Amino acid sequence: MSKRWLQVATAILALIPIGTGIVTMLGISDPIYASGGVPALPILDSNLRFFGGFWLGLGIALLWLVGDIENQTVLFRAIWGAIFLGGIGRLLSIILIGSPPLPFIGFTVLELIGAPLFVYWQSRVAHDATGYR
């Protein structure tokens, strides 16, 4: 449960929302949606691009806090809390609409199981470094 491994894991995972956020800002032209024949609805395109920008910002914030990860408990928890809530949204979609492609099932697992584990891991690192939990 070392600080260094948490920093490495966080930096690597931050690259996912950074990369996918940039791609999602393409809206319905995003290769995933374009290949699925998603209709060119302005509200859908607008929401996808907004989500892409938000996701990109979340990834940048996650990458930004890596250097001071033991002192960034509130921001770390807010980011992983948002990711967890996104996982709940994906789970609802799976239940109500059906299963997405396999990589998205993996994202859902990371969001629902990984988020609480990362919050716990960071709390241990913060406690070890500062005595704060």
N, C-alpha and C. Protein backbone atom coordinates (compact mmCIF):
# COMPACT_ATOMS: atom_id res chain seq x y z
N MET A 1 0.83 -1.20 0.00
CA MET A 1 0.00 0.00 0.00
C MET A 1 0.87 1.25 0.00
N SER A 2 1.92 1.24 -0.76
CA SER A 2 2.84 2.36 -0.73
C SER A 2 2.32 3.55 -1.54
N LYS A 3 2.82 4.71 -1.16
CA LYS A 3 2.50 5.95 -1.85
C LYS A 3 2.93 5.86 -3.30
N ARG A 4 4.12 5.36 -3.56
CA ARG A 4 4.66 5.32 -4.92
C ARG A 4 3.76 4.49 -5.84
N TRP A 5 3.31 3.31 -5.38
CA TRP A 5 2.45 2.47 -6.21
C TRP A 5 1.10 3.12 -6.45
N LEU A 6 0.59 3.83 -5.45
CA LEU A 6 -0.66 4.56 -5.63
C LEU A 6 -0.48 5.66 -6.67
N GLN A 7 0.64 6.35 -6.61
CA GLN A 7 0.91 7.39 -7.60
C GLN A 7 1.00 6.81 -9.00
N VAL A 8 1.70 5.71 -9.15
CA VAL A 8 1.85 5.07 -10.46
C VAL A 8 0.49 4.61 -10.99
N ALA A 9 -0.26 3.92 -10.16
CA ALA A 9 -1.58 3.42 -10.58
C ALA A 9 -2.51 4.57 -10.94
N THR A 10 -2.48 5.62 -10.15
CA THR A 10 -3.34 6.78 -10.40
C THR A 10 -2.96 7.47 -11.71
N ALA A 11 -1.65 7.64 -11.93
CA ALA A 11 -1.20 8.28 -13.17
C ALA A 11 -1.60 7.46 -14.39
N ILE A 12 -1.44 6.16 -14.30
CA ILE A 12 -1.82 5.30 -15.44
C ILE A 12 -3.32 5.38 -15.67
N LEU A 13 -4.10 5.27 -14.60
CA LEU A 13 -5.55 5.31 -14.75
C LEU A 13 -6.05 6.69 -15.21
N ALA A 14 -5.33 7.75 -14.88
CA ALA A 14 -5.71 9.10 -15.32
C ALA A 14 -5.64 9.22 -16.84
N LEU A 15 -4.79 8.41 -17.46
CA LEU A 15 -4.66 8.47 -18.92
C LEU A 15 -5.92 7.97 -19.63
N ILE A 16 -6.70 7.12 -18.96
CA ILE A 16 -7.93 6.61 -19.57
C ILE A 16 -8.94 7.74 -19.79
N PRO A 17 -9.31 8.50 -18.75
CA PRO A 17 -10.27 9.58 -19.03
C PRO A 17 -9.67 10.70 -19.89
N ILE A 18 -8.37 10.88 -19.84
CA ILE A 18 -7.77 11.89 -20.71
C ILE A 18 -7.93 11.47 -22.17
N GLY A 19 -7.53 10.25 -22.48
CA GLY A 19 -7.63 9.77 -23.86
C GLY A 19 -9.05 9.63 -24.34
N THR A 20 -9.89 8.99 -23.54
CA THR A 20 -11.28 8.78 -23.97
C THR A 20 -12.07 10.08 -23.93
N GLY A 21 -11.69 11.00 -23.05
CA GLY A 21 -12.36 12.31 -23.03
C GLY A 21 -12.12 13.08 -24.31
N ILE A 22 -10.88 13.04 -24.79
CA ILE A 22 -10.55 13.72 -26.05
C ILE A 22 -11.36 13.11 -27.19
N VAL A 23 -11.40 11.78 -27.25
CA VAL A 23 -12.14 11.10 -28.32
C VAL A 23 -13.64 11.37 -28.21
N THR A 24 -14.17 11.36 -27.00
CA THR A 24 -15.61 11.57 -26.81
C THR A 24 -16.01 12.99 -27.17
N MET A 25 -15.07 13.93 -27.13
CA MET A 25 -15.39 15.29 -27.54
C MET A 25 -15.68 15.38 -29.04
N LEU A 26 -15.49 14.27 -29.76
CA LEU A 26 -15.88 14.22 -31.17
C LEU A 26 -17.39 14.03 -31.32
N GLY A 27 -18.08 13.85 -30.19
CA GLY A 27 -19.53 13.68 -30.21
C GLY A 27 -19.93 12.41 -30.93
N ILE A 28 -20.95 12.51 -31.76
CA ILE A 28 -21.41 11.31 -32.45
C ILE A 28 -20.44 10.87 -33.54
N SER A 29 -19.41 11.67 -33.81
CA SER A 29 -18.36 11.27 -34.75
C SER A 29 -17.31 10.41 -34.08
N ASP A 30 -17.39 10.27 -32.75
CA ASP A 30 -16.51 9.36 -32.01
C ASP A 30 -16.62 7.99 -32.68
N PRO A 31 -15.49 7.34 -32.96
CA PRO A 31 -15.54 6.05 -33.67
C PRO A 31 -16.47 5.01 -33.05
N ILE A 32 -16.60 5.00 -31.75
CA ILE A 32 -17.50 4.03 -31.10
C ILE A 32 -18.94 4.30 -31.50
N TYR A 33 -19.36 5.56 -31.45
CA TYR A 33 -20.74 5.90 -31.77
C TYR A 33 -20.97 5.88 -33.28
N ALA A 34 -20.00 6.35 -34.05
CA ALA A 34 -20.14 6.36 -35.51
C ALA A 34 -20.32 4.94 -36.05
N SER A 35 -19.55 3.99 -35.51
CA SER A 35 -19.65 2.61 -35.99
C SER A 35 -20.98 1.97 -35.59
N GLY A 36 -21.61 2.50 -34.57
CA GLY A 36 -22.90 1.97 -34.11
C GLY A 36 -24.09 2.60 -34.81
N GLY A 37 -23.83 3.53 -35.74
CA GLY A 37 -24.92 4.17 -36.46
C GLY A 37 -25.77 5.07 -35.60
N VAL A 38 -25.16 5.70 -34.59
CA VAL A 38 -25.90 6.61 -33.70
C VAL A 38 -26.40 7.80 -34.52
N PRO A 39 -27.67 8.13 -34.40
CA PRO A 39 -28.23 9.23 -35.21
C PRO A 39 -27.65 10.59 -34.80
N ALA A 40 -27.62 11.49 -35.76
CA ALA A 40 -27.06 12.83 -35.54
C ALA A 40 -28.09 13.73 -34.86
N LEU A 41 -28.35 13.46 -33.61
CA LEU A 41 -29.27 14.28 -32.84
C LEU A 41 -28.47 15.36 -32.11
N PRO A 42 -28.81 16.64 -32.29
CA PRO A 42 -28.03 17.72 -31.66
C PRO A 42 -27.91 17.57 -30.14
N ILE A 43 -28.99 17.19 -29.45
CA ILE A 43 -28.92 17.08 -28.00
C ILE A 43 -27.98 15.94 -27.58
N LEU A 44 -28.01 14.84 -28.30
CA LEU A 44 -27.12 13.72 -28.00
C LEU A 44 -25.67 14.12 -28.26
N ASP A 45 -25.41 14.76 -29.41
CA ASP A 45 -24.06 15.19 -29.74
C ASP A 45 -23.54 16.18 -28.70
N SER A 46 -24.40 17.12 -28.31
CA SER A 46 -24.02 18.12 -27.31
C SER A 46 -23.68 17.45 -25.97
N ASN A 47 -24.53 16.52 -25.55
CA ASN A 47 -24.28 15.84 -24.28
C ASN A 47 -23.02 14.98 -24.33
N LEU A 48 -22.78 14.30 -25.44
CA LEU A 48 -21.57 13.50 -25.57
C LEU A 48 -20.32 14.38 -25.49
N ARG A 49 -20.35 15.51 -26.20
CA ARG A 49 -19.19 16.42 -26.17
C ARG A 49 -18.99 17.02 -24.77
N PHE A 50 -20.08 17.36 -24.10
CA PHE A 50 -19.98 17.86 -22.73
C PHE A 50 -19.37 16.79 -21.83
N PHE A 51 -19.90 15.57 -21.91
CA PHE A 51 -19.38 14.47 -21.12
C PHE A 51 -17.90 14.25 -21.42
N GLY A 52 -17.52 14.32 -22.70
CA GLY A 52 -16.11 14.15 -23.07
C GLY A 52 -15.23 15.21 -22.43
N GLY A 53 -15.69 16.45 -22.43
CA GLY A 53 -14.92 17.52 -21.80
C GLY A 53 -14.83 17.35 -20.30
N PHE A 54 -15.93 16.96 -19.69
CA PHE A 54 -15.95 16.70 -18.25
C PHE A 54 -15.00 15.55 -17.90
N TRP A 55 -15.07 14.48 -18.68
CA TRP A 55 -14.23 13.30 -18.45
C TRP A 55 -12.76 13.66 -18.62
N LEU A 56 -12.45 14.46 -19.64
CA LEU A 56 -11.07 14.93 -19.86
C LEU A 56 -10.61 15.74 -18.65
N GLY A 57 -11.45 16.64 -18.16
CA GLY A 57 -11.10 17.44 -16.99
C GLY A 57 -10.87 16.60 -15.75
N LEU A 58 -11.67 15.56 -15.58
CA LEU A 58 -11.50 14.65 -14.45
C LEU A 58 -10.15 13.95 -14.53
N GLY A 59 -9.79 13.51 -15.73
CA GLY A 59 -8.49 12.86 -15.92
C GLY A 59 -7.33 13.80 -15.64
N ILE A 60 -7.44 15.03 -16.10
CA ILE A 60 -6.39 16.02 -15.84
C ILE A 60 -6.27 16.29 -14.34
N ALA A 61 -7.40 16.43 -13.66
CA ALA A 61 -7.38 16.65 -12.20
C ALA A 61 -6.74 15.47 -11.48
N LEU A 62 -7.06 14.27 -11.92
CA LEU A 62 -6.47 13.07 -11.31
C LEU A 62 -4.96 13.07 -11.52
N LEU A 63 -4.52 13.41 -12.71
CA LEU A 63 -3.08 13.45 -13.00
C LEU A 63 -2.41 14.57 -12.20
N TRP A 64 -3.09 15.70 -12.05
CA TRP A 64 -2.54 16.84 -11.33
C TRP A 64 -2.25 16.50 -9.87
N LEU A 65 -3.09 15.71 -9.24
CA LEU A 65 -2.93 15.47 -7.80
C LEU A 65 -1.89 14.39 -7.48
N VAL A 66 -1.38 13.69 -8.48
CA VAL A 66 -0.47 12.57 -8.24
C VAL A 66 0.74 12.96 -7.39
N GLY A 67 1.33 14.10 -7.66
CA GLY A 67 2.55 14.50 -6.93
C GLY A 67 2.34 14.73 -5.45
N ASP A 68 1.14 15.11 -5.06
CA ASP A 68 0.84 15.41 -3.66
C ASP A 68 -0.33 14.54 -3.18
N ILE A 69 -0.35 13.31 -3.63
CA ILE A 69 -1.49 12.42 -3.46
C ILE A 69 -1.88 12.20 -2.00
N GLU A 70 -0.90 12.22 -1.10
CA GLU A 70 -1.21 11.98 0.30
C GLU A 70 -1.93 13.15 0.96
N ASN A 71 -1.85 14.34 0.35
CA ASN A 71 -2.50 15.53 0.89
C ASN A 71 -3.74 15.97 0.11
N GLN A 72 -4.12 15.22 -0.89
CA GLN A 72 -5.23 15.59 -1.76
C GLN A 72 -6.45 14.70 -1.53
N THR A 73 -6.72 14.38 -0.28
CA THR A 73 -7.78 13.43 0.07
C THR A 73 -9.15 13.88 -0.43
N VAL A 74 -9.51 15.12 -0.22
CA VAL A 74 -10.85 15.59 -0.62
C VAL A 74 -11.02 15.50 -2.13
N LEU A 75 -10.05 16.02 -2.88
CA LEU A 75 -10.13 15.97 -4.34
C LEU A 75 -10.11 14.53 -4.84
N PHE A 76 -9.25 13.71 -4.26
CA PHE A 76 -9.16 12.30 -4.65
C PHE A 76 -10.50 11.60 -4.45
N ARG A 77 -11.12 11.84 -3.30
CA ARG A 77 -12.42 11.20 -3.01
C ARG A 77 -13.52 11.75 -3.91
N ALA A 78 -13.48 13.04 -4.21
CA ALA A 78 -14.50 13.62 -5.09
C ALA A 78 -14.40 13.02 -6.50
N ILE A 79 -13.18 12.88 -6.99
CA ILE A 79 -12.99 12.30 -8.33
C ILE A 79 -13.46 10.86 -8.36
N TRP A 80 -12.98 10.06 -7.40
CA TRP A 80 -13.37 8.65 -7.39
C TRP A 80 -14.85 8.48 -7.05
N GLY A 81 -15.42 9.41 -6.29
CA GLY A 81 -16.86 9.38 -6.04
C GLY A 81 -17.64 9.61 -7.32
N ALA A 82 -17.20 10.56 -8.13
CA ALA A 82 -17.84 10.82 -9.42
C ALA A 82 -17.72 9.60 -10.34
N ILE A 83 -16.55 8.98 -10.32
CA ILE A 83 -16.34 7.78 -11.14
C ILE A 83 -17.27 6.66 -10.66
N PHE A 84 -17.40 6.50 -9.35
CA PHE A 84 -18.30 5.48 -8.79
C PHE A 84 -19.74 5.73 -9.24
N LEU A 85 -20.19 6.99 -9.17
CA LEU A 85 -21.54 7.32 -9.59
C LEU A 85 -21.74 7.05 -11.09
N GLY A 86 -20.70 7.30 -11.88
CA GLY A 86 -20.76 6.95 -13.29
C GLY A 86 -20.94 5.45 -13.48
N GLY A 87 -20.28 4.67 -12.63
CA GLY A 87 -20.42 3.22 -12.68
C GLY A 87 -21.84 2.77 -12.35
N ILE A 88 -22.47 3.49 -11.42
CA ILE A 88 -23.87 3.18 -11.10
C ILE A 88 -24.73 3.45 -12.34
N GLY A 89 -24.44 4.55 -13.03
CA GLY A 89 -25.17 4.84 -14.27
C GLY A 89 -24.99 3.74 -15.30
N ARG A 90 -23.75 3.25 -15.46
CA ARG A 90 -23.51 2.15 -16.40
C ARG A 90 -24.27 0.89 -15.97
N LEU A 91 -24.26 0.61 -14.67
CA LEU A 91 -24.96 -0.57 -14.17
C LEU A 91 -26.46 -0.47 -14.45
N LEU A 92 -27.03 0.70 -14.24
CA LEU A 92 -28.44 0.90 -14.57
C LEU A 92 -28.70 0.65 -16.05
N SER A 93 -27.80 1.12 -16.90
CA SER A 93 -27.93 0.90 -18.33
C SER A 93 -27.89 -0.59 -18.67
N ILE A 94 -26.98 -1.31 -18.03
CA ILE A 94 -26.89 -2.76 -18.25
C ILE A 94 -28.19 -3.44 -17.84
N ILE A 95 -28.73 -3.04 -16.70
CA ILE A 95 -29.96 -3.65 -16.19
C ILE A 95 -31.16 -3.30 -17.07
N LEU A 96 -31.26 -2.04 -17.47
CA LEU A 96 -32.45 -1.56 -18.17
C LEU A 96 -32.41 -1.73 -19.69
N ILE A 97 -31.21 -1.65 -20.27
CA ILE A 97 -31.09 -1.65 -21.73
C ILE A 97 -30.39 -2.90 -22.26
N GLY A 98 -29.35 -3.35 -21.56
CA GLY A 98 -28.60 -4.52 -22.00
C GLY A 98 -27.11 -4.29 -21.87
N SER A 99 -26.36 -5.34 -22.09
CA SER A 99 -24.91 -5.28 -21.92
C SER A 99 -24.23 -4.55 -23.07
N PRO A 100 -23.28 -3.68 -22.74
CA PRO A 100 -22.47 -3.02 -23.76
C PRO A 100 -21.32 -3.96 -24.18
N PRO A 101 -20.47 -3.52 -25.09
CA PRO A 101 -19.29 -4.33 -25.43
C PRO A 101 -18.42 -4.60 -24.18
N LEU A 102 -17.68 -5.68 -24.24
CA LEU A 102 -16.88 -6.17 -23.10
C LEU A 102 -16.01 -5.11 -22.43
N PRO A 103 -15.29 -4.25 -23.17
CA PRO A 103 -14.46 -3.25 -22.46
C PRO A 103 -15.28 -2.38 -21.50
N PHE A 104 -16.53 -2.10 -21.84
CA PHE A 104 -17.36 -1.27 -20.99
C PHE A 104 -17.80 -2.00 -19.73
N ILE A 105 -17.88 -3.32 -19.80
CA ILE A 105 -18.14 -4.12 -18.60
C ILE A 105 -16.94 -3.97 -17.66
N GLY A 106 -15.74 -4.01 -18.22
CA GLY A 106 -14.52 -3.82 -17.43
C GLY A 106 -14.49 -2.44 -16.78
N PHE A 107 -14.88 -1.41 -17.53
CA PHE A 107 -14.93 -0.06 -16.97
C PHE A 107 -15.91 -0.02 -15.80
N THR A 108 -17.04 -0.69 -15.96
CA THR A 108 -18.05 -0.70 -14.91
C THR A 108 -17.52 -1.35 -13.64
N VAL A 109 -16.80 -2.44 -13.80
CA VAL A 109 -16.19 -3.12 -12.64
C VAL A 109 -15.19 -2.19 -11.97
N LEU A 110 -14.33 -1.55 -12.76
CA LEU A 110 -13.35 -0.61 -12.19
C LEU A 110 -14.05 0.51 -11.44
N GLU A 111 -15.12 1.02 -12.01
CA GLU A 111 -15.82 2.15 -11.40
C GLU A 111 -16.52 1.76 -10.10
N LEU A 112 -17.12 0.58 -10.08
CA LEU A 112 -17.89 0.17 -8.90
C LEU A 112 -17.05 -0.50 -7.81
N ILE A 113 -16.05 -1.24 -8.20
CA ILE A 113 -15.22 -1.95 -7.22
C ILE A 113 -13.90 -1.21 -7.01
N GLY A 114 -13.31 -0.75 -8.09
CA GLY A 114 -12.02 -0.07 -7.99
C GLY A 114 -12.09 1.25 -7.25
N ALA A 115 -13.17 2.02 -7.47
CA ALA A 115 -13.28 3.33 -6.82
C ALA A 115 -13.18 3.23 -5.30
N PRO A 116 -13.99 2.38 -4.65
CA PRO A 116 -13.85 2.28 -3.19
C PRO A 116 -12.47 1.78 -2.76
N LEU A 117 -11.87 0.89 -3.54
CA LEU A 117 -10.53 0.38 -3.19
C LEU A 117 -9.48 1.49 -3.30
N PHE A 118 -9.59 2.32 -4.33
CA PHE A 118 -8.63 3.42 -4.46
C PHE A 118 -8.82 4.45 -3.34
N VAL A 119 -10.05 4.72 -2.97
CA VAL A 119 -10.30 5.66 -1.86
C VAL A 119 -9.69 5.10 -0.57
N TYR A 120 -9.89 3.82 -0.33
CA TYR A 120 -9.30 3.19 0.86
C TYR A 120 -7.78 3.26 0.81
N TRP A 121 -7.20 2.91 -0.34
CA TRP A 121 -5.73 2.92 -0.50
C TRP A 121 -5.19 4.33 -0.23
N GLN A 122 -5.82 5.34 -0.81
CA GLN A 122 -5.34 6.71 -0.58
C GLN A 122 -5.48 7.11 0.88
N SER A 123 -6.54 6.66 1.54
CA SER A 123 -6.71 7.00 2.96
C SER A 123 -5.59 6.40 3.80
N ARG A 124 -5.14 5.20 3.45
CA ARG A 124 -4.02 4.57 4.16
C ARG A 124 -2.72 5.35 3.91
N VAL A 125 -2.50 5.75 2.66
CA VAL A 125 -1.30 6.54 2.33
C VAL A 125 -1.35 7.87 3.05
N ALA A 126 -2.50 8.54 3.05
CA ALA A 126 -2.64 9.83 3.74
C ALA A 126 -2.41 9.67 5.24
N HIS A 127 -2.97 8.61 5.80
CA HIS A 127 -2.80 8.36 7.23
C HIS A 127 -1.34 8.11 7.58
N ASP A 128 -0.66 7.30 6.77
CA ASP A 128 0.75 7.02 7.01
C ASP A 128 1.62 8.26 6.91
N ALA A 129 1.25 9.15 5.97
CA ALA A 129 2.07 10.35 5.73
C ALA A 129 1.75 11.49 6.69
N THR A 130 0.49 11.62 7.06
CA THR A 130 0.11 12.82 7.81
C THR A 130 -0.64 12.52 9.11
N GLY A 131 -1.05 11.30 9.30
CA GLY A 131 -1.85 10.96 10.47
C GLY A 131 -3.32 11.26 10.24
N TYR A 132 -3.68 11.82 9.03
CA TYR A 132 -5.07 12.14 8.70
C TYR A 132 -5.69 10.95 8.00
N ARG A 133 -6.92 10.72 8.28
CA ARG A 133 -7.63 9.61 7.62
C ARG A 133 -8.88 10.09 6.98
